[in-house]
């Protein structure tokens, strides 16, 4: 298992979002002229949104398919626009900074999404943190008082999820605001793919964790983590 040791002070700071922000590698600002451009032939556009909702970890998330296609890196307060081949994909993510602080690779912070996407369409996916346990949304605790939202962090590990954005999704009403206000980035696919191809151990380790987590998701969570072809959104990016 991948192991690194860092102090507990650094660990606590990173997991509560106190790490200094920085631009992820293999990522660039989207050109203004690219706004609203349709994906290429046989491809779909997928937009990964990371709005800050109070439980954000430090660092950034690397997104890739389990087959080894580099999608990009995304950090808090941004949206990453990615073109993908139409068809079926399993998308996963990992936070290298969080893993370095923990000293190991674990299942809870590795989100996974099944995507069945159609050519020429645009889809939106939200990165969610501290909202799920390892298997999905926890069973609500019934109380006479209004519960306060907390961040789910088993063993100081911030849980994560890749969540589809559809009319039935939480925060659906925020989508127009997020697409208009989050800074838009695009990946440097060639450089990112070269990096991923040179780190097959990283890919394989996270693929195993993603597949394990996918198998353990509750039915409700599996539905939220499945992007269907008909989930495309007609909204100006």
C-alpha atoms as a PDB file:
ATOM      1  CA  UNK A   1       0.000   0.000   0.000  1.00  0.00           C
ATOM      2  CA  UNK A   2       1.069   3.522  -0.790  1.00  0.00           C
ATOM      3  CA  UNK A   3       2.399   5.048   2.448  1.00  0.00           C
ATOM      4  CA  UNK A   4       3.570   8.528   3.386  1.00  0.00           C
ATOM      5  CA  UNK A   5       3.753  10.137   6.817  1.00  0.00           C
ATOM      6  CA  UNK A   6       2.884  13.748   7.585  1.00  0.00           C
ATOM      7  CA  UNK A   7       2.095  15.523  10.847  1.00  0.00           C
ATOM      8  CA  UNK A   8      -1.397  15.466  12.284  1.00  0.00           C
ATOM      9  CA  UNK A   9      -1.588  19.263  12.167  1.00  0.00           C
ATOM     10  CA  UNK A  10      -1.146  19.217   8.381  1.00  0.00           C
ATOM     11  CA  UNK A  11      -3.685  16.416   8.114  1.00  0.00           C
ATOM     12  CA  UNK A  12      -6.340  18.300  10.054  1.00  0.00           C
ATOM     13  CA  UNK A  13      -5.740  21.498   8.094  1.00  0.00           C
ATOM     14  CA  UNK A  14      -6.022  19.810   4.693  1.00  0.00           C
ATOM     15  CA  UNK A  15      -9.150  17.854   5.537  1.00  0.00           C
ATOM     16  CA  UNK A  16     -10.977  20.958   6.715  1.00  0.00           C
ATOM     17  CA  UNK A  17     -10.114  22.936   3.591  1.00  0.00           C
ATOM     18  CA  UNK A  18      -7.456  25.107   5.225  1.00  0.00           C
ATOM     19  CA  UNK A  19      -4.671  24.122   2.839  1.00  0.00           C
ATOM     20  CA  UNK A  20      -3.481  26.961   0.643  1.00  0.00           C
ATOM     21  CA  UNK A  21      -5.325  26.921  -2.710  1.00  0.00           C
ATOM     22  CA  UNK A  22      -3.359  26.475  -5.912  1.00  0.00           C
ATOM     23  CA  UNK A  23      -4.034  25.763  -9.573  1.00  0.00           C
ATOM     24  CA  UNK A  24      -4.041  22.032 -10.346  1.00  0.00           C
ATOM     25  CA  UNK A  25      -1.480  20.716 -12.822  1.00  0.00           C
ATOM     26  CA  UNK A  26      -2.489  19.798 -16.379  1.00  0.00           C
ATOM     27  CA  UNK A  27      -5.286  22.382 -16.207  1.00  0.00           C
ATOM     28  CA  UNK A  28      -5.801  25.733 -17.923  1.00  0.00           C
ATOM     29  CA  UNK A  29      -8.440  28.442 -18.009  1.00  0.00           C
ATOM     30  CA  UNK A  30     -11.068  27.870 -20.662  1.00  0.00           C
ATOM     31  CA  UNK A  31     -10.805  30.361 -23.544  1.00  0.00           C
ATOM     32  CA  UNK A  32     -13.677  32.828 -23.620  1.00  0.00           C
ATOM     33  CA  UNK A  33     -14.301  31.934 -27.256  1.00  0.00           C
ATOM     34  CA  UNK A  34     -14.925  28.313 -26.248  1.00  0.00           C
ATOM     35  CA  UNK A  35     -18.035  29.014 -24.199  1.00  0.00           C
ATOM     36  CA  UNK A  36     -21.014  27.168 -25.584  1.00  0.00           C
ATOM     37  CA  UNK A  37     -19.077  25.241 -28.254  1.00  0.00           C
ATOM     38  CA  UNK A  38     -20.634  21.867 -28.957  1.00  0.00           C
ATOM     39  CA  UNK A  39     -18.534  18.724 -28.426  1.00  0.00           C
ATOM     40  CA  UNK A  40     -16.845  17.137 -31.407  1.00  0.00           C
ATOM     41  CA  UNK A  41     -18.281  14.350 -33.531  1.00  0.00           C
ATOM     42  CA  UNK A  42     -18.978  11.208 -31.525  1.00  0.00           C
ATOM     43  CA  UNK A  43     -18.231  12.996 -28.251  1.00  0.00           C
ATOM     44  CA  UNK A  44     -20.138  14.441 -25.311  1.00  0.00           C
ATOM     45  CA  UNK A  45     -19.317  17.289 -22.957  1.00  0.00           C
ATOM     46  CA  UNK A  46     -19.232  16.578 -19.220  1.00  0.00           C
ATOM     47  CA  UNK A  47     -18.896  19.463 -16.767  1.00  0.00           C
ATOM     48  CA  UNK A  48     -17.598  18.631 -13.286  1.00  0.00           C
ATOM     49  CA  UNK A  49     -18.675  21.251 -10.743  1.00  0.00           C
ATOM     50  CA  UNK A  50     -16.956  21.819  -7.401  1.00  0.00           C
ATOM     51  CA  UNK A  51     -18.952  24.487  -5.542  1.00  0.00           C
ATOM     52  CA  UNK A  52     -17.848  25.138  -1.981  1.00  0.00           C
ATOM     53  CA  UNK A  53     -20.585  23.855   0.352  1.00  0.00           C
ATOM     54  CA  UNK A  54     -18.680  23.826   3.623  1.00  0.00           C
ATOM     55  CA  UNK A  55     -17.065  20.374   3.723  1.00  0.00           C
ATOM     56  CA  UNK A  56     -14.351  20.819   1.118  1.00  0.00           C
ATOM     57  CA  UNK A  57     -11.023  19.037   1.504  1.00  0.00           C
ATOM     58  CA  UNK A  58      -7.809  20.747   0.505  1.00  0.00           C
ATOM     59  CA  UNK A  59      -5.931  19.941  -2.673  1.00  0.00           C
ATOM     60  CA  UNK A  60      -7.575  18.933  -5.937  1.00  0.00           C
ATOM     61  CA  UNK A  61      -9.219  15.873  -7.448  1.00  0.00           C
ATOM     62  CA  UNK A  62      -7.837  13.974 -10.408  1.00  0.00           C
ATOM     63  CA  UNK A  63     -10.596  12.531 -12.585  1.00  0.00           C
ATOM     64  CA  UNK A  64     -10.081   9.570 -14.902  1.00  0.00           C
ATOM     65  CA  UNK A  65     -11.948   6.600 -16.283  1.00  0.00           C
ATOM     66  CA  UNK A  66     -11.205   3.157 -14.926  1.00  0.00           C
ATOM     67  CA  UNK A  67      -9.869   2.259 -18.387  1.00  0.00           C
ATOM     68  CA  UNK A  68      -7.118   4.844 -17.989  1.00  0.00           C
ATOM     69  CA  UNK A  69      -8.430   7.925 -19.824  1.00  0.00           C
ATOM     70  CA  UNK A  70      -7.256  11.112 -18.107  1.00  0.00           C
ATOM     71  CA  UNK A  71     -10.142  13.584 -17.808  1.00  0.00           C
ATOM     72  CA  UNK A  72      -8.615  16.419 -15.821  1.00  0.00           C
ATOM     73  CA  UNK A  73      -7.939  17.952 -12.423  1.00  0.00           C
ATOM     74  CA  UNK A  74     -10.496  20.077 -10.589  1.00  0.00           C
ATOM     75  CA  UNK A  75     -10.273  22.225  -7.466  1.00  0.00           C
ATOM     76  CA  UNK A  76     -12.798  23.958  -5.245  1.00  0.00           C
ATOM     77  CA  UNK A  77     -14.629  26.915  -6.723  1.00  0.00           C
ATOM     78  CA  UNK A  78     -14.190  25.756 -10.316  1.00  0.00           C
ATOM     79  CA  UNK A  79     -15.951  23.811 -13.055  1.00  0.00           C
ATOM     80  CA  UNK A  80     -13.989  21.519 -15.351  1.00  0.00           C
ATOM     81  CA  UNK A  81     -15.270  21.047 -18.903  1.00  0.00           C
ATOM     82  CA  UNK A  82     -14.274  17.739 -20.453  1.00  0.00           C
ATOM     83  CA  UNK A  83     -15.002  16.154 -23.814  1.00  0.00           C
ATOM     84  CA  UNK A  84     -15.462  12.367 -23.690  1.00  0.00           C
ATOM     85  CA  UNK A  85     -16.247   9.701 -26.271  1.00  0.00           C
ATOM     86  CA  UNK A  86     -19.928   8.809 -26.283  1.00  0.00           C
ATOM     87  CA  UNK A  87     -20.753   5.475 -24.692  1.00  0.00           C
ATOM     88  CA  UNK A  88     -20.406   3.791 -21.319  1.00  0.00           C
ATOM     89  CA  UNK A  89     -17.710   4.857 -18.854  1.00  0.00           C
ATOM     90  CA  UNK A  90     -16.862   4.423 -15.196  1.00  0.00           C
ATOM     91  CA  UNK A  91     -15.365   7.645 -13.837  1.00  0.00           C
ATOM     92  CA  UNK A  92     -13.378   7.835 -10.624  1.00  0.00           C
ATOM     93  CA  UNK A  93     -11.463  10.481  -8.713  1.00  0.00           C
ATOM     94  CA  UNK A  94      -8.786  10.816  -6.070  1.00  0.00           C
ATOM     95  CA  UNK A  95      -7.213  13.567  -4.005  1.00  0.00           C
ATOM     96  CA  UNK A  96      -3.433  13.084  -3.898  1.00  0.00           C
ATOM     97  CA  UNK A  97      -2.908  15.736  -1.227  1.00  0.00           C
ATOM     98  CA  UNK A  98      -5.462  14.161   1.096  1.00  0.00           C
ATOM     99  CA  UNK A  99      -3.902  10.747   0.529  1.00  0.00           C
ATOM    100  CA  UNK A 100      -0.440  12.087   1.255  1.00  0.00           C
ATOM    101  CA  UNK A 101      -1.709  13.533   4.536  1.00  0.00           C
ATOM    102  CA  UNK A 102      -3.401  10.269   5.490  1.00  0.00           C
ATOM    103  CA  UNK A 103      -0.415   8.163   4.475  1.00  0.00           C
ATOM    104  CA  UNK A 104      -2.529   5.622   2.596  1.00  0.00           C
ATOM    105  CA  UNK A 105      -5.050   5.017  -0.170  1.00  0.00           C
ATOM    106  CA  UNK A 106      -8.573   4.475   1.167  1.00  0.00           C
ATOM    107  CA  UNK A 107     -11.976   3.800  -0.308  1.00  0.00           C
ATOM    108  CA  UNK A 108     -14.066   6.605   1.269  1.00  0.00           C
ATOM    109  CA  UNK A 109     -12.441   9.570  -0.533  1.00  0.00           C
ATOM    110  CA  UNK A 110     -12.520   7.838  -3.954  1.00  0.00           C
ATOM    111  CA  UNK A 111     -15.778   8.825  -5.711  1.00  0.00           C
ATOM    112  CA  UNK A 112     -17.101   6.758  -8.594  1.00  0.00           C
ATOM    113  CA  UNK A 113     -19.721   7.424 -11.279  1.00  0.00           C
ATOM    114  CA  UNK A 114     -21.243   5.242 -13.984  1.00  0.00           C
ATOM    115  CA  UNK A 115     -21.813   7.332 -17.120  1.00  0.00           C
ATOM    116  CA  UNK A 116     -23.817   6.412 -20.208  1.00  0.00           C
ATOM    117  CA  UNK A 117     -23.487   9.487 -22.388  1.00  0.00           C
ATOM    118  CA  UNK A 118     -24.714  10.378 -25.859  1.00  0.00           C
ATOM    119  CA  UNK A 119     -22.832  12.251 -28.559  1.00  0.00           C
ATOM    120  CA  UNK A 120     -23.475  15.960 -28.924  1.00  0.00           C
ATOM    121  CA  UNK A 121     -24.967  16.340 -25.438  1.00  0.00           C
ATOM    122  CA  UNK A 122     -23.808  18.200 -22.315  1.00  0.00           C
ATOM    123  CA  UNK A 123     -23.943  16.657 -18.833  1.00  0.00           C
ATOM    124  CA  UNK A 124     -23.274  18.075 -15.376  1.00  0.00           C
ATOM    125  CA  UNK A 125     -21.783  16.278 -12.392  1.00  0.00           C
ATOM    126  CA  UNK A 126     -21.204  17.709  -8.914  1.00  0.00           C
ATOM    127  CA  UNK A 127     -18.402  16.790  -6.549  1.00  0.00           C
ATOM    128  CA  UNK A 128     -19.895  16.331  -3.088  1.00  0.00           C
ATOM    129  CA  UNK A 129     -17.941  16.078   0.179  1.00  0.00           C
ATOM    130  CA  UNK A 130     -18.935  14.987   3.662  1.00  0.00           C
ATOM    131  CA  UNK A 131     -22.489  14.170   2.519  1.00  0.00           C
ATOM    132  CA  UNK A 132     -22.194  10.383   2.215  1.00  0.00           C
ATOM    133  CA  UNK A 133     -20.712   7.582   4.196  1.00  0.00           C
ATOM    134  CA  UNK A 134     -18.863   4.917   2.230  1.00  0.00           C
ATOM    135  CA  UNK A 135     -22.103   3.390   0.930  1.00  0.00           C
ATOM    136  CA  UNK A 136     -24.048   6.538   0.148  1.00  0.00           C
ATOM    137  CA  UNK A 137     -26.409   8.982   1.883  1.00  0.00           C
ATOM    138  CA  UNK A 138     -26.827   7.889   5.491  1.00  0.00           C
ATOM    139  CA  UNK A 139     -30.254   7.146   6.929  1.00  0.00           C
ATOM    140  CA  UNK A 140     -31.586  10.444   8.349  1.00  0.00           C
ATOM    141  CA  UNK A 141     -31.578  10.648  12.126  1.00  0.00           C
ATOM    142  CA  UNK A 142     -35.086  11.482  13.340  1.00  0.00           C
ATOM    143  CA  UNK A 143     -35.271  14.210  15.934  1.00  0.00           C
ATOM    144  CA  UNK A 144     -37.699  16.860  17.101  1.00  0.00           C
ATOM    145  CA  UNK A 145     -35.033  19.475  16.535  1.00  0.00           C
ATOM    146  CA  UNK A 146     -33.686  20.666  13.206  1.00  0.00           C
ATOM    147  CA  UNK A 147     -30.438  18.731  12.700  1.00  0.00           C
ATOM    148  CA  UNK A 148     -27.297  20.661  11.924  1.00  0.00           C
ATOM    149  CA  UNK A 149     -25.349  19.531   8.921  1.00  0.00           C
ATOM    150  CA  UNK A 150     -21.971  18.054   9.731  1.00  0.00           C
ATOM    151  CA  UNK A 151     -19.176  16.708   7.571  1.00  0.00           C
ATOM    152  CA  UNK A 152     -18.981  12.920   7.471  1.00  0.00           C
ATOM    153  CA  UNK A 153     -15.322  12.107   8.156  1.00  0.00           C
ATOM    154  CA  UNK A 154     -14.825   8.515   9.318  1.00  0.00           C
ATOM    155  CA  UNK A 155     -11.304   8.199  10.686  1.00  0.00           C
ATOM    156  CA  UNK A 156     -10.459  11.777   9.604  1.00  0.00           C
ATOM    157  CA  UNK A 157     -11.180  10.850   5.989  1.00  0.00           C
ATOM    158  CA  UNK A 158     -13.465  13.260   4.129  1.00  0.00           C
ATOM    159  CA  UNK A 159     -15.960  11.152   2.194  1.00  0.00           C
ATOM    160  CA  UNK A 160     -16.601  12.140  -1.414  1.00  0.00           C
ATOM    161  CA  UNK A 161     -19.061  11.449  -4.215  1.00  0.00           C
ATOM    162  CA  UNK A 162     -19.629  12.220  -7.885  1.00  0.00           C
ATOM    163  CA  UNK A 163     -23.295  13.188  -8.157  1.00  0.00           C
ATOM    164  CA  UNK A 164     -25.410  13.601 -11.275  1.00  0.00           C
ATOM    165  CA  UNK A 165     -27.170  16.927 -11.771  1.00  0.00           C
ATOM    166  CA  UNK A 166     -30.773  16.335 -12.863  1.00  0.00           C
ATOM    167  CA  UNK A 167     -34.130  17.869 -11.860  1.00  0.00           C
ATOM    168  CA  UNK A 168     -34.355  15.154  -9.158  1.00  0.00           C
ATOM    169  CA  UNK A 169     -30.915  15.957  -7.708  1.00  0.00           C
ATOM    170  CA  UNK A 170     -30.153  17.928  -4.555  1.00  0.00           C
ATOM    171  CA  UNK A 171     -29.024  21.485  -5.376  1.00  0.00           C
ATOM    172  CA  UNK A 172     -30.582  21.283  -8.851  1.00  0.00           C
ATOM    173  CA  UNK A 173     -31.813  24.855  -8.518  1.00  0.00           C
ATOM    174  CA  UNK A 174     -28.229  26.055  -8.031  1.00  0.00           C
ATOM    175  CA  UNK A 175     -27.019  24.783 -11.402  1.00  0.00           C
ATOM    176  CA  UNK A 176     -27.567  28.047 -13.375  1.00  0.00           C
ATOM    177  CA  UNK A 177     -25.769  30.037 -10.655  1.00  0.00           C
ATOM    178  CA  UNK A 178     -22.836  27.630 -10.481  1.00  0.00           C
ATOM    179  CA  UNK A 179     -22.341  27.457 -14.237  1.00  0.00           C
ATOM    180  CA  UNK A 180     -22.370  31.257 -14.377  1.00  0.00           C
ATOM    181  CA  UNK A 181     -20.072  31.940 -11.419  1.00  0.00           C
ATOM    182  CA  UNK A 182     -17.608  29.067 -11.022  1.00  0.00           C
ATOM    183  CA  UNK A 183     -14.327  29.632 -12.843  1.00  0.00           C
ATOM    184  CA  UNK A 184     -14.214  27.428 -15.940  1.00  0.00           C
ATOM    185  CA  UNK A 185     -11.170  25.263 -16.630  1.00  0.00           C
ATOM    186  CA  UNK A 186     -10.268  22.723 -19.290  1.00  0.00           C
ATOM    187  CA  UNK A 187      -7.698  19.950 -19.084  1.00  0.00           C
ATOM    188  CA  UNK A 188      -4.319  19.745 -20.770  1.00  0.00           C
ATOM    189  CA  UNK A 189      -5.229  16.287 -21.948  1.00  0.00           C
ATOM    190  CA  UNK A 190      -1.941  15.395 -23.644  1.00  0.00           C
ATOM    191  CA  UNK A 191       0.233  16.269 -20.634  1.00  0.00           C
ATOM    192  CA  UNK A 192      -2.223  14.773 -18.157  1.00  0.00           C
ATOM    193  CA  UNK A 193      -2.522  11.546 -20.134  1.00  0.00           C
ATOM    194  CA  UNK A 194       1.254  11.243 -20.350  1.00  0.00           C
ATOM    195  CA  UNK A 195       1.471  11.648 -16.570  1.00  0.00           C
ATOM    196  CA  UNK A 196      -1.219   9.041 -15.941  1.00  0.00           C
ATOM    197  CA  UNK A 197       0.362   6.592 -18.403  1.00  0.00           C
ATOM    198  CA  UNK A 198       3.592   6.935 -16.449  1.00  0.00           C
ATOM    199  CA  UNK A 199       1.872   6.199 -13.118  1.00  0.00           C
ATOM    200  CA  UNK A 200      -0.012   2.989 -13.800  1.00  0.00           C
ATOM    201  CA  UNK A 201       0.346   1.930 -10.165  1.00  0.00           C
ATOM    202  CA  UNK A 202      -1.682   4.988  -9.142  1.00  0.00           C
ATOM    203  CA  UNK A 203      -4.358   4.213 -11.739  1.00  0.00           C
ATOM    204  CA  UNK A 204      -4.610   0.535 -10.801  1.00  0.00           C
ATOM    205  CA  UNK A 205      -4.799   1.218  -7.067  1.00  0.00           C
ATOM    206  CA  UNK A 206      -7.618   3.707  -7.475  1.00  0.00           C
ATOM    207  CA  UNK A 207      -9.444   1.557  -9.987  1.00  0.00           C
ATOM    208  CA  UNK A 208      -9.559  -1.249  -7.424  1.00  0.00           C
ATOM    209  CA  UNK A 209     -10.869   1.136  -4.764  1.00  0.00           C
ATOM    210  CA  UNK A 210     -13.460   2.632  -7.133  1.00  0.00           C
ATOM    211  CA  UNK A 211     -14.755  -0.763  -8.225  1.00  0.00           C
ATOM    212  CA  UNK A 212     -14.958  -1.898  -4.611  1.00  0.00           C
ATOM    213  CA  UNK A 213     -16.869   1.219  -3.617  1.00  0.00           C
ATOM    214  CA  UNK A 214     -19.243   0.924  -6.565  1.00  0.00           C
ATOM    215  CA  UNK A 215     -20.152  -2.610  -5.515  1.00  0.00           C
ATOM    216  CA  UNK A 216     -20.887  -1.409  -1.976  1.00  0.00           C
ATOM    217  CA  UNK A 217     -23.178   1.527  -2.812  1.00  0.00           C
ATOM    218  CA  UNK A 218     -26.742   1.389  -1.560  1.00  0.00           C
ATOM    219  CA  UNK A 219     -29.436   1.390  -4.296  1.00  0.00           C
ATOM    220  CA  UNK A 220     -30.255   5.059  -3.683  1.00  0.00           C
ATOM    221  CA  UNK A 221     -26.593   6.022  -3.930  1.00  0.00           C
ATOM    222  CA  UNK A 222     -26.104   3.960  -7.083  1.00  0.00           C
ATOM    223  CA  UNK A 223     -28.938   5.874  -8.720  1.00  0.00           C
ATOM    224  CA  UNK A 224     -27.381   9.212  -7.755  1.00  0.00           C
ATOM    225  CA  UNK A 225     -24.015   8.003  -9.065  1.00  0.00           C
ATOM    226  CA  UNK A 226     -25.319   6.904 -12.476  1.00  0.00           C
ATOM    227  CA  UNK A 227     -25.437   9.328 -15.393  1.00  0.00           C
ATOM    228  CA  UNK A 228     -27.876   8.207 -18.066  1.00  0.00           C
ATOM    229  CA  UNK A 229     -27.903   9.357 -21.691  1.00  0.00           C
ATOM    230  CA  UNK A 230     -31.165  11.217 -21.094  1.00  0.00           C
ATOM    231  CA  UNK A 231     -29.676  13.246 -18.234  1.00  0.00           C
ATOM    232  CA  UNK A 232     -28.170  15.815 -20.596  1.00  0.00           C
ATOM    233  CA  UNK A 233     -28.942  19.398 -19.643  1.00  0.00           C
ATOM    234  CA  UNK A 234     -29.867  22.119 -22.104  1.00  0.00           C
ATOM    235  CA  UNK A 235     -28.180  25.036 -20.355  1.00  0.00           C
ATOM    236  CA  UNK A 236     -25.622  27.486 -21.690  1.00  0.00           C
ATOM    237  CA  UNK A 237     -22.277  26.498 -20.119  1.00  0.00           C
END
